[in-house]
N, C-alpha and C. Protein backbone atom coordinates (compact mmCIF):
# COMPACT_ATOMS: atom_id res chain seq x y z
N MET A 1 39.33 10.21 -31.20
CA MET A 1 38.67 10.54 -29.63
C MET A 1 38.57 9.38 -28.74
N LYS A 2 38.75 9.25 -27.51
CA LYS A 2 38.15 7.88 -26.71
C LYS A 2 36.96 8.19 -26.39
N LYS A 3 36.15 6.44 -26.07
CA LYS A 3 34.76 6.57 -25.94
C LYS A 3 34.43 7.49 -24.57
N ASN A 4 35.52 7.76 -23.74
CA ASN A 4 35.47 8.43 -22.28
C ASN A 4 35.18 10.07 -23.01
N ASP A 5 35.62 10.16 -23.55
CA ASP A 5 36.00 11.83 -23.94
C ASP A 5 34.84 12.08 -24.93
N GLN A 6 33.80 11.19 -25.39
CA GLN A 6 32.65 11.73 -26.02
C GLN A 6 31.65 12.11 -24.95
N LYS A 7 30.70 12.89 -25.67
CA LYS A 7 29.62 13.42 -25.20
C LYS A 7 29.01 12.01 -24.82
N HIS A 8 28.32 12.06 -23.71
CA HIS A 8 27.42 10.78 -23.04
C HIS A 8 25.79 11.01 -23.95
N LEU A 9 25.30 9.87 -23.73
CA LEU A 9 23.93 9.71 -24.01
C LEU A 9 22.99 10.63 -22.62
N PRO A 10 21.74 10.96 -23.50
CA PRO A 10 20.91 11.90 -22.68
C PRO A 10 20.40 10.99 -21.23
N ILE A 11 20.65 11.45 -20.11
CA ILE A 11 19.87 10.40 -18.77
C ILE A 11 18.61 9.81 -19.12
N TYR A 12 17.99 10.36 -19.65
CA TYR A 12 16.61 10.13 -19.74
C TYR A 12 16.00 9.39 -20.98
N GLY A 13 16.91 9.80 -22.38
CA GLY A 13 16.33 9.47 -23.56
C GLY A 13 15.00 9.67 -24.04
N VAL A 14 14.68 8.54 -24.55
CA VAL A 14 13.13 8.68 -25.33
C VAL A 14 12.07 7.99 -23.97
N GLY A 15 12.93 7.48 -22.99
CA GLY A 15 11.80 7.49 -21.86
C GLY A 15 10.84 8.07 -21.49
N PRO A 16 10.68 9.33 -21.05
CA PRO A 16 9.65 9.96 -20.98
C PRO A 16 8.27 10.05 -21.68
N LEU A 17 9.00 9.97 -23.38
CA LEU A 17 8.14 10.18 -24.36
C LEU A 17 7.26 8.76 -24.31
N TYR A 18 8.18 7.74 -24.24
CA TYR A 18 7.61 6.24 -24.46
C TYR A 18 6.41 6.19 -23.17
N GLY A 19 6.98 6.21 -22.17
CA GLY A 19 6.40 6.05 -20.67
C GLY A 19 4.76 7.04 -20.74
N SER A 20 4.88 8.27 -21.24
CA SER A 20 3.72 9.20 -21.20
C SER A 20 2.68 8.42 -22.38
N ILE A 21 3.44 7.96 -23.36
CA ILE A 21 2.27 7.05 -24.35
C ILE A 21 1.70 5.83 -23.75
N ILE A 22 2.24 4.98 -23.30
CA ILE A 22 1.78 3.87 -22.79
C ILE A 22 0.91 3.96 -21.75
N ILE A 23 1.19 4.86 -20.64
CA ILE A 23 0.71 5.26 -19.49
C ILE A 23 -0.76 5.93 -19.70
N LEU A 24 -0.60 6.57 -20.70
CA LEU A 24 -2.19 7.31 -21.09
C LEU A 24 -3.15 6.44 -22.06
N MET A 25 -2.40 5.58 -22.77
CA MET A 25 -3.04 4.75 -23.63
C MET A 25 -3.88 3.48 -22.94
N SER A 26 -2.73 3.16 -21.48
CA SER A 26 -3.72 2.37 -20.61
C SER A 26 -4.76 2.94 -19.93
N ALA A 27 -4.37 4.12 -19.45
CA ALA A 27 -5.30 4.88 -18.70
C ALA A 27 -6.68 4.94 -19.43
N ILE A 28 -6.40 5.80 -20.46
CA ILE A 28 -7.91 5.54 -21.17
C ILE A 28 -8.54 4.08 -21.57
N SER A 29 -7.76 3.18 -21.91
CA SER A 29 -8.31 1.69 -22.29
C SER A 29 -9.01 1.30 -21.36
N VAL A 30 -8.26 1.38 -19.80
CA VAL A 30 -9.09 1.17 -18.75
C VAL A 30 -10.26 1.48 -18.46
N ILE A 31 -10.35 3.04 -18.79
CA ILE A 31 -11.56 3.94 -18.44
C ILE A 31 -12.52 3.48 -19.52
N LEU A 32 -12.08 3.43 -20.46
CA LEU A 32 -13.06 2.90 -21.62
C LEU A 32 -13.88 1.78 -21.48
N SER A 33 -12.77 0.76 -21.25
CA SER A 33 -13.19 -0.30 -20.89
C SER A 33 -14.63 -0.84 -19.77
N GLY A 34 -13.82 -0.09 -18.41
CA GLY A 34 -14.72 0.24 -17.13
C GLY A 34 -16.24 0.82 -17.13
N ASN A 35 -16.25 1.59 -18.36
CA ASN A 35 -17.42 2.33 -18.81
C ASN A 35 -18.50 1.65 -19.50
N ARG A 36 -17.92 0.34 -19.87
CA ARG A 36 -18.25 -0.64 -20.78
C ARG A 36 -18.26 0.23 -22.18
N ILE A 37 -17.52 1.15 -22.76
CA ILE A 37 -17.39 1.38 -23.95
C ILE A 37 -16.10 0.56 -24.47
N LEU A 38 -16.04 0.30 -25.85
CA LEU A 38 -15.60 -1.10 -26.20
C LEU A 38 -14.94 -2.29 -25.13
N TYR A 39 -16.03 -2.72 -24.87
CA TYR A 39 -15.92 -3.73 -23.70
C TYR A 39 -16.34 -4.70 -24.38
N ILE A 40 -15.35 -5.94 -24.24
CA ILE A 40 -15.82 -7.24 -24.34
C ILE A 40 -15.59 -8.40 -23.55
N GLY A 41 -15.00 -8.06 -22.54
CA GLY A 41 -15.15 -8.43 -20.94
C GLY A 41 -14.27 -9.84 -21.53
N ILE A 42 -14.29 -10.47 -20.18
CA ILE A 42 -14.01 -12.24 -20.22
C ILE A 42 -14.73 -13.33 -19.33
N PRO A 43 -14.76 -14.31 -19.40
CA PRO A 43 -15.47 -15.41 -19.10
C PRO A 43 -15.14 -15.06 -17.30
N GLN A 44 -16.05 -15.10 -16.34
CA GLN A 44 -15.71 -14.78 -14.90
C GLN A 44 -14.89 -15.96 -14.47
N TYR A 45 -14.78 -16.95 -14.96
CA TYR A 45 -13.91 -18.27 -14.36
C TYR A 45 -12.16 -17.33 -14.75
N LEU A 46 -12.27 -16.25 -15.73
CA LEU A 46 -10.50 -16.27 -15.74
C LEU A 46 -10.37 -14.66 -14.86
N ASP A 47 -11.67 -14.22 -13.97
CA ASP A 47 -11.14 -12.93 -13.58
C ASP A 47 -9.74 -13.15 -12.58
N THR A 48 -9.93 -14.39 -11.47
CA THR A 48 -8.66 -14.56 -10.91
C THR A 48 -7.49 -14.37 -11.28
N LEU A 49 -7.51 -15.20 -12.45
CA LEU A 49 -6.23 -15.48 -13.33
C LEU A 49 -5.66 -13.88 -13.59
N PHE A 50 -6.52 -12.92 -14.56
CA PHE A 50 -6.16 -11.66 -14.87
C PHE A 50 -5.53 -11.01 -13.67
N ILE A 51 -6.17 -11.21 -12.40
CA ILE A 51 -5.90 -10.35 -11.06
C ILE A 51 -4.39 -11.18 -11.19
N VAL A 52 -4.29 -12.19 -11.07
CA VAL A 52 -3.05 -12.79 -10.93
C VAL A 52 -1.81 -12.13 -11.55
N ILE A 53 -2.03 -12.35 -13.18
CA ILE A 53 -1.36 -12.07 -13.67
C ILE A 53 -1.00 -10.51 -13.70
N GLY A 54 -1.73 -9.80 -13.76
CA GLY A 54 -1.61 -8.20 -13.68
C GLY A 54 -0.80 -7.97 -12.17
N THR A 55 -0.88 -8.84 -11.00
CA THR A 55 -0.43 -8.45 -10.26
C THR A 55 0.81 -9.23 -10.58
N LEU A 56 1.61 -10.16 -10.77
CA LEU A 56 2.52 -10.32 -11.23
C LEU A 56 3.68 -9.45 -12.04
N LEU A 57 2.91 -9.14 -13.19
CA LEU A 57 3.37 -7.98 -14.18
C LEU A 57 3.79 -6.93 -13.65
N ILE A 58 3.13 -5.97 -12.64
CA ILE A 58 3.33 -5.13 -11.93
C ILE A 58 4.45 -5.26 -10.95
N MET A 59 4.45 -6.18 -10.30
CA MET A 59 5.63 -6.02 -9.38
C MET A 59 6.93 -6.61 -10.03
N LEU A 60 6.73 -7.57 -10.73
CA LEU A 60 7.92 -7.79 -12.30
C LEU A 60 8.53 -6.37 -12.51
N GLY A 61 7.74 -5.66 -12.96
CA GLY A 61 8.23 -4.35 -13.64
C GLY A 61 8.67 -3.38 -12.44
N ILE A 62 7.90 -3.56 -11.22
CA ILE A 62 8.90 -2.72 -10.14
C ILE A 62 10.20 -3.14 -9.77
N TYR A 63 10.11 -4.41 -10.06
CA TYR A 63 11.38 -5.27 -9.56
C TYR A 63 12.58 -4.98 -10.43
N ILE A 64 12.27 -4.89 -11.72
CA ILE A 64 13.20 -4.72 -12.99
C ILE A 64 13.75 -3.40 -12.98
N TRP A 65 12.79 -2.56 -12.49
CA TRP A 65 13.09 -1.07 -12.24
C TRP A 65 14.18 -0.43 -11.61
N ILE A 66 13.79 -1.02 -10.23
CA ILE A 66 14.51 -1.20 -8.95
C ILE A 66 16.29 -1.64 -9.26
N ARG A 67 15.98 -2.69 -10.02
CA ARG A 67 17.45 -3.22 -10.45
C ARG A 67 18.24 -2.55 -11.40
N ALA A 68 17.59 -1.88 -12.19
CA ALA A 68 18.11 -1.04 -13.46
C ALA A 68 18.36 0.39 -12.90
N VAL A 69 18.03 0.97 -12.37
CA VAL A 69 18.07 2.38 -11.62
C VAL A 69 18.55 2.16 -10.20
N LEU A 70 18.06 1.55 -9.71
CA LEU A 70 18.76 1.61 -8.33
C LEU A 70 20.31 0.70 -7.83
N ILE A 71 19.72 -0.31 -8.49
CA ILE A 71 20.99 -1.27 -7.84
C ILE A 71 21.92 -1.19 -9.11
N ASP A 72 21.63 -1.57 -10.11
CA ASP A 72 22.83 -1.48 -11.47
C ASP A 72 23.26 0.34 -11.97
N LYS A 73 22.25 0.74 -11.21
CA LYS A 73 22.84 2.35 -11.23
C LYS A 73 23.35 3.01 -12.89
N LEU A 74 22.21 2.99 -13.67
CA LEU A 74 22.06 3.26 -14.91
C LEU A 74 22.79 4.81 -14.95
N ASP A 75 22.41 5.78 -14.17
CA ASP A 75 22.75 7.04 -14.48
C ASP A 75 23.82 7.31 -14.32
N ASN A 76 24.85 6.57 -13.51
CA ASN A 76 26.34 6.49 -13.20
C ASN A 76 26.73 5.97 -14.57
N SER A 77 26.40 5.07 -14.95
CA SER A 77 27.11 4.27 -16.55
C SER A 77 26.89 5.35 -17.42
N ILE A 78 25.74 6.14 -17.67
CA ILE A 78 25.72 7.15 -18.70
C ILE A 78 26.78 8.11 -18.74
N LYS A 79 26.78 8.57 -16.99
CA LYS A 79 27.51 10.20 -16.59
C LYS A 79 29.25 9.31 -16.92
N LYS A 80 29.35 8.39 -17.07
CA LYS A 80 30.76 7.98 -17.23
C LYS A 80 31.16 7.07 -18.58
N ASN A 81 30.06 7.23 -19.16
CA ASN A 81 30.28 6.86 -20.77
C ASN A 81 30.50 5.33 -20.75
N LYS A 82 30.05 4.29 -19.91
CA LYS A 82 30.21 3.08 -19.65
C LYS A 82 28.93 1.88 -20.04
N LEU A 83 29.04 1.32 -21.22
CA LEU A 83 28.13 0.41 -21.76
C LEU A 83 27.48 -0.53 -20.55
N LEU A 84 26.40 -0.56 -20.31
CA LEU A 84 26.26 -1.41 -18.79
C LEU A 84 25.64 -3.04 -19.30
N THR A 85 26.35 -3.91 -18.84
CA THR A 85 25.85 -5.05 -19.74
C THR A 85 25.92 -5.93 -18.65
N THR A 86 25.91 -5.87 -17.46
CA THR A 86 25.76 -6.82 -16.26
C THR A 86 24.45 -6.56 -15.36
N GLY A 87 24.23 -7.22 -14.62
CA GLY A 87 23.10 -7.24 -13.69
C GLY A 87 21.83 -7.78 -14.42
N ILE A 88 20.80 -6.66 -14.66
CA ILE A 88 19.53 -6.88 -15.29
C ILE A 88 20.01 -6.09 -16.81
N TYR A 89 20.92 -6.08 -17.08
CA TYR A 89 21.25 -5.58 -18.38
C TYR A 89 21.79 -6.36 -18.86
N ALA A 90 22.59 -7.57 -18.30
CA ALA A 90 22.71 -9.00 -19.38
C ALA A 90 21.46 -9.65 -19.33
N TRP A 91 19.90 -9.58 -19.10
CA TRP A 91 18.93 -10.32 -19.44
C TRP A 91 17.80 -8.95 -20.35
N VAL A 92 18.47 -7.67 -20.33
CA VAL A 92 17.47 -7.39 -21.33
C VAL A 92 18.15 -6.17 -21.26
N ARG A 93 18.18 -5.40 -22.92
CA ARG A 93 18.72 -4.15 -23.20
C ARG A 93 18.17 -2.60 -22.70
N ASN A 94 16.74 -2.91 -22.77
CA ASN A 94 16.10 -1.73 -22.23
C ASN A 94 15.49 -1.99 -21.20
N PRO A 95 15.74 -2.27 -20.03
CA PRO A 95 15.11 -2.52 -18.68
C PRO A 95 14.06 -1.54 -18.07
N VAL A 96 14.71 -0.48 -18.17
CA VAL A 96 13.53 0.52 -17.69
C VAL A 96 12.15 0.92 -18.35
N TYR A 97 12.69 0.60 -19.88
CA TYR A 97 11.50 0.62 -20.88
C TYR A 97 10.50 -0.33 -20.35
N THR A 98 11.23 -1.86 -20.34
CA THR A 98 10.36 -2.80 -20.13
C THR A 98 9.82 -3.20 -18.59
N ALA A 99 10.31 -2.59 -17.44
CA ALA A 99 9.43 -2.09 -16.44
C ALA A 99 7.86 -1.11 -16.44
N ILE A 100 8.46 -0.40 -17.62
CA ILE A 100 6.79 0.21 -17.46
C ILE A 100 6.04 -0.31 -18.08
N THR A 101 6.44 -0.67 -19.10
CA THR A 101 5.79 -1.60 -20.09
C THR A 101 4.91 -2.72 -19.29
N PHE A 102 5.81 -3.51 -18.48
CA PHE A 102 5.23 -4.37 -17.95
C PHE A 102 3.83 -3.95 -16.58
N VAL A 103 4.50 -2.46 -15.80
CA VAL A 103 3.29 -2.18 -15.00
C VAL A 103 2.28 -1.83 -15.93
N CYS A 104 2.14 -1.24 -17.01
CA CYS A 104 0.98 -0.87 -18.11
C CYS A 104 0.42 -2.09 -18.44
N ILE A 105 1.16 -3.63 -18.67
CA ILE A 105 0.21 -4.06 -18.96
C ILE A 105 -0.33 -4.68 -18.13
N GLY A 106 0.33 -4.72 -16.84
CA GLY A 106 -0.23 -5.46 -15.55
C GLY A 106 -1.66 -4.88 -15.32
N ILE A 107 -2.13 -3.28 -15.42
CA ILE A 107 -2.77 -2.64 -15.19
C ILE A 107 -3.78 -3.07 -15.75
N LEU A 108 -3.62 -3.47 -17.08
CA LEU A 108 -4.44 -3.74 -18.61
C LEU A 108 -5.25 -4.96 -18.04
N PHE A 109 -4.63 -5.56 -17.27
CA PHE A 109 -4.96 -6.83 -16.83
C PHE A 109 -6.47 -6.72 -15.68
N PHE A 110 -5.76 -5.70 -15.01
CA PHE A 110 -6.72 -5.53 -14.29
C PHE A 110 -8.17 -5.09 -14.37
N GLY A 111 -8.32 -5.01 -15.92
CA GLY A 111 -9.34 -4.19 -16.65
C GLY A 111 -10.22 -5.50 -16.94
N LYS A 112 -10.03 -6.47 -16.80
CA LYS A 112 -10.53 -7.81 -17.35
C LYS A 112 -11.18 -7.78 -18.42
N ASP A 113 -10.51 -7.70 -19.24
CA ASP A 113 -11.36 -6.97 -20.76
C ASP A 113 -10.63 -7.78 -22.13
N LEU A 114 -11.00 -8.68 -22.68
CA LEU A 114 -9.95 -8.99 -23.81
C LEU A 114 -9.56 -8.00 -24.64
N TRP A 115 -10.30 -7.21 -25.08
CA TRP A 115 -9.56 -6.21 -26.02
C TRP A 115 -8.73 -5.55 -25.75
N LEU A 116 -8.37 -5.46 -24.23
CA LEU A 116 -7.50 -4.69 -24.04
C LEU A 116 -5.90 -5.49 -24.02
N LEU A 117 -5.96 -6.86 -24.13
CA LEU A 117 -4.69 -7.33 -24.63
C LEU A 117 -3.83 -7.37 -25.50
N ILE A 118 -4.68 -6.23 -26.72
CA ILE A 118 -4.21 -5.85 -28.06
C ILE A 118 -3.01 -4.86 -27.68
N PHE A 119 -3.02 -4.23 -26.58
CA PHE A 119 -2.37 -3.21 -26.11
C PHE A 119 -0.76 -3.58 -25.93
N PRO A 120 -0.65 -4.90 -25.56
CA PRO A 120 0.79 -5.28 -25.35
C PRO A 120 2.07 -5.58 -26.27
N PHE A 121 0.89 -5.37 -27.41
CA PHE A 121 1.85 -5.70 -28.85
C PHE A 121 1.91 -4.35 -29.34
N ILE A 122 1.13 -3.46 -29.19
CA ILE A 122 1.21 -1.95 -29.73
C ILE A 122 2.10 -1.22 -28.92
N PHE A 123 2.37 -1.41 -27.64
CA PHE A 123 3.40 -1.28 -26.67
C PHE A 123 4.74 -1.69 -27.68
N TRP A 124 4.83 -3.04 -27.48
CA TRP A 124 6.09 -3.41 -28.07
C TRP A 124 6.63 -2.69 -29.12
N LEU A 125 5.33 -2.43 -30.36
CA LEU A 125 5.74 -1.74 -31.70
C LEU A 125 6.47 -0.66 -31.32
N ILE A 126 5.58 0.34 -30.48
CA ILE A 126 5.97 1.47 -30.23
C ILE A 126 7.28 1.59 -29.51
N LEU A 127 7.67 0.50 -28.66
CA LEU A 127 8.76 0.85 -27.80
C LEU A 127 10.21 0.32 -28.87
N THR A 128 9.94 -0.89 -29.97
CA THR A 128 10.71 -1.20 -30.92
C THR A 128 11.30 -0.01 -31.91
N ILE A 129 10.15 0.19 -32.49
CA ILE A 129 10.24 1.88 -33.65
C ILE A 129 11.00 2.81 -32.64
N LEU A 130 10.88 3.19 -31.44
CA LEU A 130 11.31 4.11 -30.99
C LEU A 130 12.59 3.98 -30.42
N MET A 131 12.98 2.72 -30.22
CA MET A 131 14.58 2.01 -30.01
C MET A 131 15.42 2.16 -31.26
N ILE A 132 14.81 1.36 -32.42
CA ILE A 132 15.87 1.58 -33.66
C ILE A 132 16.00 2.98 -34.00
N CYS A 133 14.73 3.90 -33.54
CA CYS A 133 15.18 5.06 -34.64
C CYS A 133 16.01 6.24 -33.61
N THR A 134 16.28 5.61 -32.54
CA THR A 134 16.76 6.81 -31.45
C THR A 134 17.90 5.79 -30.62
N GLU A 135 18.02 5.74 -29.37
CA GLU A 135 18.63 4.98 -28.70
C GLU A 135 19.65 4.31 -29.25
N GLU A 136 19.23 3.21 -30.15
CA GLU A 136 20.24 2.16 -30.83
C GLU A 136 21.06 2.76 -31.69
N LYS A 137 20.67 3.57 -32.48
CA LYS A 137 21.48 4.57 -32.99
C LYS A 137 22.48 5.01 -32.53
N TRP A 138 22.23 5.91 -31.39
CA TRP A 138 22.93 6.42 -30.49
C TRP A 138 24.65 5.98 -29.80
N LEU A 139 23.70 4.44 -29.47
CA LEU A 139 24.68 3.47 -28.57
C LEU A 139 25.40 2.97 -29.92
N LYS A 140 25.24 2.93 -30.97
CA LYS A 140 26.25 2.01 -32.18
C LYS A 140 27.09 2.98 -32.59
N GLU A 141 26.87 4.58 -32.52
CA GLU A 141 27.88 5.57 -32.57
C GLU A 141 28.47 5.62 -31.89
N LEU A 142 28.24 5.49 -30.44
CA LEU A 142 29.08 6.09 -29.41
C LEU A 142 30.15 4.81 -28.83
N TYR A 143 29.20 3.25 -28.64
CA TYR A 143 30.22 1.95 -28.34
C TYR A 143 30.42 1.26 -29.50
N GLY A 144 30.13 1.46 -30.79
CA GLY A 144 30.43 0.82 -32.06
C GLY A 144 30.42 -0.87 -31.76
N LYS A 145 31.42 -1.54 -32.12
CA LYS A 145 31.89 -3.51 -32.07
C LYS A 145 30.64 -3.68 -30.56
N GLU A 146 31.54 -2.87 -30.00
CA GLU A 146 31.20 -3.40 -28.32
C GLU A 146 29.59 -3.78 -28.52
N TYR A 147 28.90 -2.51 -28.83
CA TYR A 147 27.33 -2.37 -28.31
C TYR A 147 26.34 -3.63 -29.55
N GLU A 148 27.22 -3.83 -30.74
CA GLU A 148 26.67 -4.37 -31.53
C GLU A 148 27.02 -6.33 -31.15
N GLU A 149 28.08 -5.96 -30.55
CA GLU A 149 27.75 -7.68 -29.61
C GLU A 149 27.10 -7.86 -28.60
N TYR A 150 27.01 -6.95 -28.05
CA TYR A 150 25.82 -6.98 -26.81
C TYR A 150 24.31 -7.18 -27.59
N CYS A 151 24.02 -6.67 -28.40
CA CYS A 151 22.66 -6.41 -29.45
C CYS A 151 22.66 -8.26 -29.39
N GLU A 152 23.67 -8.52 -29.93
CA GLU A 152 23.88 -10.18 -30.73
C GLU A 152 23.16 -11.40 -29.59
N HIS A 153 23.48 -10.68 -28.05
CA HIS A 153 23.36 -11.93 -27.06
C HIS A 153 21.90 -11.35 -25.78
N VAL A 154 21.77 -10.23 -26.50
CA VAL A 154 20.52 -9.70 -25.27
C VAL A 154 19.42 -8.96 -26.01
N ASN A 155 18.25 -9.50 -25.58
CA ASN A 155 17.12 -9.23 -25.91
C ASN A 155 16.83 -7.58 -25.82
N ARG A 156 16.21 -6.91 -26.88
CA ARG A 156 15.85 -5.49 -26.71
C ARG A 156 14.73 -5.13 -25.69
N CYS A 157 13.82 -5.68 -25.44
CA CYS A 157 12.64 -5.78 -24.35
C CYS A 157 12.02 -6.83 -23.72
N ILE A 158 12.61 -8.08 -24.04
CA ILE A 158 11.55 -9.06 -22.99
C ILE A 158 12.83 -9.78 -22.54
N PRO A 159 13.18 -9.72 -21.06
CA PRO A 159 13.94 -10.16 -20.54
C PRO A 159 14.16 -11.62 -20.60
N TRP A 160 15.33 -12.12 -20.82
CA TRP A 160 15.58 -13.71 -21.23
C TRP A 160 16.89 -13.82 -20.42
N LEU A 161 17.02 -14.96 -20.03
CA LEU A 161 18.30 -15.49 -19.64
C LEU A 161 19.55 -15.04 -20.52
N PRO A 162 20.58 -14.83 -20.10
CA PRO A 162 21.63 -14.23 -20.81
C PRO A 162 22.29 -15.84 -21.43
N ARG A 163 22.57 -14.95 -22.84
CA ARG A 163 23.28 -15.94 -23.97
C ARG A 163 24.67 -15.75 -23.71
N ASN A 164 25.54 -17.20 -24.00
CA ASN A 164 27.18 -16.97 -23.72
C ASN A 164 27.66 -15.95 -24.90
N ARG A 165 28.66 -15.15 -24.55
CA ARG A 165 29.23 -14.40 -25.53
C ARG A 165 30.63 -14.92 -25.59
C-alpha cells in the first residue's frame, strides 16, 4: 500500500490534551503566585527583564503557530499524507506544540516568580513523553525511513537552525 493510500494522521493529534494540560498548569501557577501562595518572587531589578522575556516568548509562540498552521498549512499536509519538512518544520518537528509551550512560558514570566521557572522543564517533559508515545510512533509507521531521517536533522520541540541532510 502506498503512503497516499494509507489513513492519514489525526488533524489534532494529542495537541488539545497537551495544550489543555499546560494552559491549566500555567493559569493555576500564576494565580497561586499572584495570591502569594507558593511564592518566591524575584529581585525587583529583574522585573523588566521578566516582562521582556515573557513578551518575546509570547510573540515567538504566536509567530511559530502562524507559520505552522496558516503559512505552512499543516492540515493540508496531513490530509494529503505528506510529511511536512519545509518552512518552520525544517526548524522544529512539532511547531504547534512548541508555539503553545512558548506562549505558556511567556505567561509564566509575567508572574515574576522564580518558582514558576520550573514549569518549562515540566512542559518539555510532558511534551516529550506524549510525542514519543503517540505521534512519533504514528509518523514512523506512516513514513518509515523518511521520518527517521527527518528526526535525525530536526529537533523535537526546540527550534534550531536546520542541519544539513
